[in-house]
C-alpha atoms as a PDB file:
ATOM      1  CA  MET A   1      74.839 103.542  55.563  1.00  0.00           C
ATOM      2  CA  ARG A   2      73.549 101.544  52.487  1.00  0.00           C
ATOM      3  CA  PHE A   3      71.269  98.979  53.115  1.00  0.00           C
ATOM      4  CA  SER A   4      71.762  95.204  52.130  1.00  0.00           C
ATOM      5  CA  MET A   5      71.291  91.898  52.849  1.00  0.00           C
ATOM      6  CA  GLU A   6      72.891  88.188  52.473  1.00  0.00           C
ATOM      7  CA  LYS A   7      71.952  84.883  53.417  1.00  0.00           C
ATOM      8  CA  GLY A   8      74.347  82.275  55.164  1.00  0.00           C
ATOM      9  CA  HIS A   9      74.248  79.851  57.866  1.00  0.00           C
ATOM     10  CA  HIS A  10      75.317  80.402  61.680  1.00  0.00           C
ATOM     11  CA  LEU A  11      75.859  77.015  63.264  1.00  0.00           C
ATOM     12  CA  GLY A  12      73.844  75.007  60.639  1.00  0.00           C
ATOM     13  CA  ILE A  13      71.042  77.551  61.274  1.00  0.00           C
ATOM     14  CA  PRO A  14      69.623  79.659  58.158  1.00  0.00           C
ATOM     15  CA  THR A  15      70.722  83.169  58.933  1.00  0.00           C
ATOM     16  CA  VAL A  16      69.916  86.661  57.398  1.00  0.00           C
ATOM     17  CA  TYR A  17      72.721  89.209  57.974  1.00  0.00           C
ATOM     18  CA  VAL A  18      71.194  92.654  57.395  1.00  0.00           C
ATOM     19  CA  HIS A  19      73.586  95.587  56.999  1.00  0.00           C
ATOM     20  CA  GLY A  20      73.120  99.514  56.880  1.00  0.00           C
ATOM     21  CA  ASP A  21      69.994 101.635  57.463  1.00  0.00           C
ATOM     22  CA  VAL A  22      66.663  99.742  57.589  1.00  0.00           C
ATOM     23  CA  ASP A  23      63.575 102.090  56.650  1.00  0.00           C
ATOM     24  CA  ALA A  24      59.977 101.395  55.185  1.00  0.00           C
ATOM     25  CA  ALA A  25      61.325 101.212  51.785  1.00  0.00           C
ATOM     26  CA  GLN A  26      63.079  97.798  52.653  1.00  0.00           C
ATOM     27  CA  ASN A  27      60.085  96.026  54.483  1.00  0.00           C
ATOM     28  CA  ALA A  28      58.778  93.867  51.667  1.00  0.00           C
ATOM     29  CA  GLY A  29      61.960  92.777  50.625  1.00  0.00           C
ATOM     30  CA  LEU A  30      63.247  92.218  54.178  1.00  0.00           C
ATOM     31  CA  GLN A  31      60.308  89.808  54.716  1.00  0.00           C
ATOM     32  CA  THR A  32      60.508  87.766  51.307  1.00  0.00           C
ATOM     33  CA  PHE A  33      64.327  87.705  51.859  1.00  0.00           C
ATOM     34  CA  VAL A  34      63.721  86.129  55.782  1.00  0.00           C
ATOM     35  CA  VAL A  35      60.932  83.677  54.511  1.00  0.00           C
ATOM     36  CA  GLU A  36      62.757  82.432  51.857  1.00  0.00           C
ATOM     37  CA  ALA A  37      65.901  81.941  54.131  1.00  0.00           C
ATOM     38  CA  ALA A  38      63.422  80.032  56.599  1.00  0.00           C
ATOM     39  CA  ARG A  39      61.846  77.812  53.805  1.00  0.00           C
ATOM     40  CA  GLY A  40      62.879  73.969  54.641  1.00  0.00           C
ATOM     41  CA  SER A  41      64.698  74.806  57.885  1.00  0.00           C
ATOM     42  CA  VAL A  42      63.569  72.892  60.870  1.00  0.00           C
ATOM     43  CA  GLU A  43      65.077  75.099  63.248  1.00  0.00           C
ATOM     44  CA  GLY A  44      63.743  78.046  62.035  1.00  0.00           C
ATOM     45  CA  VAL A  45      66.082  81.084  61.022  1.00  0.00           C
ATOM     46  CA  ILE A  46      68.103  84.130  62.526  1.00  0.00           C
ATOM     47  CA  VAL A  47      67.870  87.716  61.854  1.00  0.00           C
ATOM     48  CA  ASP A  48      71.158  89.302  62.540  1.00  0.00           C
ATOM     49  CA  LEU A  49      70.626  93.076  62.873  1.00  0.00           C
ATOM     50  CA  LEU A  50      74.284  93.803  64.517  1.00  0.00           C
ATOM     51  CA  ASP A  51      75.206  95.780  61.381  1.00  0.00           C
ATOM     52  CA  VAL A  52      72.457  97.803  61.122  1.00  0.00           C
ATOM     53  CA  SER A  53      73.076 101.384  61.650  1.00  0.00           C
ATOM     54  CA  TYR A  54      69.618 102.610  61.880  1.00  0.00           C
ATOM     55  CA  ALA A  55      66.124 101.303  62.030  1.00  0.00           C
ATOM     56  CA  GLU A  56      62.696 102.943  61.799  1.00  0.00           C
ATOM     57  CA  ALA A  57      60.101 101.705  64.257  1.00  0.00           C
ATOM     58  CA  GLY A  58      57.873 100.580  61.458  1.00  0.00           C
ATOM     59  CA  SER A  59      60.873  98.346  60.198  1.00  0.00           C
ATOM     60  CA  LEU A  60      61.306  96.655  63.444  1.00  0.00           C
ATOM     61  CA  ARG A  61      57.426  96.273  63.385  1.00  0.00           C
ATOM     62  CA  ARG A  62      57.886  94.228  60.137  1.00  0.00           C
ATOM     63  CA  VAL A  63      60.571  92.043  61.824  1.00  0.00           C
ATOM     64  CA  ALA A  64      57.799  90.992  64.570  1.00  0.00           C
ATOM     65  CA  GLU A  65      55.477  90.602  61.739  1.00  0.00           C
ATOM     66  CA  ILE A  66      57.861  88.127  59.899  1.00  0.00           C
ATOM     67  CA  GLY A  67      58.029  86.190  63.005  1.00  0.00           C
ATOM     68  CA  GLU A  68      54.097  85.808  63.417  1.00  0.00           C
ATOM     69  CA  VAL A  69      54.338  84.690  59.678  1.00  0.00           C
ATOM     70  CA  LEU A  70      56.968  82.048  60.350  1.00  0.00           C
ATOM     71  CA  ARG A  71      55.262  80.905  63.357  1.00  0.00           C
ATOM     72  CA  ALA A  72      52.029  80.383  61.417  1.00  0.00           C
ATOM     73  CA  ARG A  73      54.203  78.194  59.221  1.00  0.00           C
ATOM     74  CA  GLY A  74      55.453  76.073  62.431  1.00  0.00           C
ATOM     75  CA  GLN A  75      58.965  77.794  62.440  1.00  0.00           C
ATOM     76  CA  ARG A  76      60.843  79.822  64.574  1.00  0.00           C
ATOM     77  CA  MET A  77      62.907  83.313  64.293  1.00  0.00           C
ATOM     78  CA  ALA A  78      65.639  84.425  66.566  1.00  0.00           C
ATOM     79  CA  VAL A  79      66.889  88.177  66.183  1.00  0.00           C
ATOM     80  CA  VAL A  80      69.931  89.252  67.248  1.00  0.00           C
ATOM     81  CA  CYS A  81      71.052  92.997  68.074  1.00  0.00           C
ATOM     82  CA  CYS A  82      73.342  95.112  70.263  1.00  0.00           C
ATOM     83  CA  SER A  83      72.314  98.383  69.393  1.00  0.00           C
ATOM     84  CA  GLU A  84      71.065 100.362  72.546  1.00  0.00           C
ATOM     85  CA  ASN A  85      68.414 102.470  69.933  1.00  0.00           C
ATOM     86  CA  ILE A  86      66.975  99.281  68.371  1.00  0.00           C
ATOM     87  CA  GLN A  87      66.682  97.693  71.845  1.00  0.00           C
ATOM     88  CA  ARG A  88      65.009 100.569  73.073  1.00  0.00           C
ATOM     89  CA  ILE A  89      62.314 100.631  70.472  1.00  0.00           C
ATOM     90  CA  PHE A  90      61.823  97.070  71.033  1.00  0.00           C
ATOM     91  CA  ALA A  91      61.511  97.832  74.548  1.00  0.00           C
ATOM     92  CA  LEU A  92      58.916 100.969  74.435  1.00  0.00           C
ATOM     93  CA  SER A  93      56.908  99.376  71.578  1.00  0.00           C
ATOM     94  CA  GLY A  94      56.327  96.137  73.371  1.00  0.00           C
ATOM     95  CA  LEU A  95      57.664  94.188  70.261  1.00  0.00           C
ATOM     96  CA  GLY A  96      60.667  92.657  72.481  1.00  0.00           C
ATOM     97  CA  GLU A  97      58.053  90.852  74.066  1.00  0.00           C
ATOM     98  CA  GLN A  98      56.764  89.202  70.648  1.00  0.00           C
ATOM     99  CA  LEU A  99      60.265  88.419  69.403  1.00  0.00           C
ATOM    100  CA  ASP A 100      63.121  86.026  70.827  1.00  0.00           C
ATOM    101  CA  VAL A 101      66.038  88.596  71.113  1.00  0.00           C
ATOM    102  CA  PHE A 102      69.376  88.101  71.657  1.00  0.00           C
ATOM    103  CA  HIS A 103      73.022  89.745  71.911  1.00  0.00           C
ATOM    104  CA  ASP A 104      74.884  87.488  70.154  1.00  0.00           C
ATOM    105  CA  LEU A 105      74.636  84.988  66.960  1.00  0.00           C
ATOM    106  CA  ASP A 106      75.636  81.908  69.263  1.00  0.00           C
ATOM    107  CA  SER A 107      73.199  82.530  71.891  1.00  0.00           C
ATOM    108  CA  ALA A 108      70.332  82.899  69.398  1.00  0.00           C
ATOM    109  CA  ALA A 109      71.536  79.672  67.236  1.00  0.00           C
ATOM    110  CA  GLU A 110      71.500  77.752  70.640  1.00  0.00           C
ATOM    111  CA  HIS A 111      67.950  79.054  71.578  1.00  0.00           C
ATOM    112  CA  LEU A 112      66.852  77.819  68.164  1.00  0.00           C
ATOM    113  CA  TRP A 113      68.287  74.501  68.331  1.00  0.00           C
ATOM    114  CA  THR A 114      66.916  73.839  72.100  1.00  0.00           C
ATOM    115  CA  GLU A 115      63.470  74.785  71.462  1.00  0.00           C
ATOM    116  CA  ARG A 116      62.912  72.553  68.245  1.00  0.00           C
END
């Protein structure tokens, strides 16, 4: 599936919707896109991976690195995914412990709103 990203908002929180296959070729662009989406947000940003059909472990590591960049700026990031493959990579690699991961957008938004 072809890779694409779009910016939007979910319940007033900047959200990056990621679609398709995510591999190393998209890592730099993904970071730039997420950091730009979070710019000026008090709550932080949601990264929606619900429509990601495939993701390399290195790309998911980059998602964790993006979270570190945002934390250094005093911002937060919530990741939304329900793919068993992505969740397995998060669990086996330990990345799930570095990220706030949710199964739906509403839960991610509620977390960012309440943790301000």
